[in-house]
Protein backbone atom coordinates (compact mmCIF):
# COMPACT_ATOMS: atom_id res chain seq x y z
CA MET A 1 32.61 -163.21 -213.21
CA ALA A 2 31.72 -160.75 -210.46
CA ASN A 3 31.83 -157.88 -212.93
CA ALA A 4 29.20 -159.51 -215.16
CA THR A 5 26.71 -159.91 -212.32
CA GLN A 6 27.41 -156.43 -211.02
CA SER A 7 26.67 -154.79 -214.38
CA SER A 8 23.43 -156.74 -214.89
CA ASN A 9 22.08 -155.78 -211.45
CA PRO A 10 22.29 -152.00 -211.08
CA GLY A 11 22.47 -150.72 -207.53
CA PRO A 12 20.49 -147.81 -206.09
CA ASP A 13 23.34 -145.40 -206.86
CA ASP A 14 23.31 -146.34 -210.54
CA LEU A 15 19.63 -145.44 -210.97
CA PHE A 16 20.07 -141.78 -209.96
CA ASP A 17 23.07 -140.83 -212.08
CA GLU A 18 20.89 -138.86 -214.50
CA PRO A 19 20.91 -135.07 -214.13
CA VAL A 20 17.72 -133.53 -212.72
CA PRO A 21 15.82 -131.62 -215.44
CA ALA A 22 15.77 -127.84 -215.11
CA LEU A 23 11.96 -127.63 -215.00
CA GLN A 24 11.84 -130.16 -212.16
CA GLN A 25 14.42 -128.17 -210.19
CA LEU A 26 12.34 -125.06 -210.78
CA LEU A 27 9.07 -126.65 -209.65
CA ASP A 28 10.67 -128.30 -206.61
CA ASN A 29 11.25 -124.86 -205.06
CA PRO A 30 8.32 -124.17 -202.69
CA PHE A 31 9.15 -120.48 -202.31
CA LEU A 32 9.06 -119.98 -206.07
CA LEU A 33 5.69 -121.73 -206.23
CA LEU A 34 4.40 -119.52 -203.41
CA PHE A 35 5.61 -116.39 -205.20
CA LEU A 36 4.04 -117.49 -208.50
CA GLY A 37 0.79 -118.42 -206.76
CA ILE A 38 0.51 -114.89 -205.38
CA ALA A 39 2.04 -112.89 -208.24
CA ILE A 40 0.14 -114.40 -211.18
CA PRO A 41 -3.39 -113.85 -209.79
CA THR A 42 -2.41 -110.35 -208.64
CA VAL A 43 -1.18 -109.37 -212.10
CA LEU A 44 -4.24 -110.92 -213.76
CA TYR A 45 -6.64 -109.04 -211.46
CA ILE A 46 -4.81 -105.75 -212.06
CA VAL A 47 -4.96 -106.25 -215.83
CA TRP A 48 -8.63 -107.22 -215.59
CA GLY A 49 -9.38 -104.10 -213.51
CA VAL A 50 -7.57 -101.81 -215.95
CA MET A 51 -9.51 -103.36 -218.83
CA GLU A 52 -12.79 -102.76 -216.96
CA ILE A 53 -11.90 -99.12 -216.22
CA VAL A 54 -10.89 -98.48 -219.83
CA SER A 55 -14.15 -100.01 -221.11
CA VAL A 56 -16.34 -97.59 -219.10
CA PRO A 57 -17.69 -94.90 -221.47
CA ILE A 58 -16.81 -91.29 -220.74
CA ALA A 59 -19.74 -89.25 -219.38
CA LYS A 60 -20.86 -86.11 -221.22
C-alpha cells in the first residue's frame, strides 16, 4: 500500500530527473553570454564599416 501512495505523490527528486536541454546549458553560462554580447556587436560594426568604405566612390 505504501508503494501506491509513493508513486502517486512524486517527491522533489522525481521532478528533476529530466536531462537539462543543451540550449539551456549554453545560455546559463554568463561568461559565454558576456563574450557573445561583446563579439556580435563588434563583428557587426566591422562589417558595417567595411561596407561603408567599399560604397565610397573612387575619386578621379
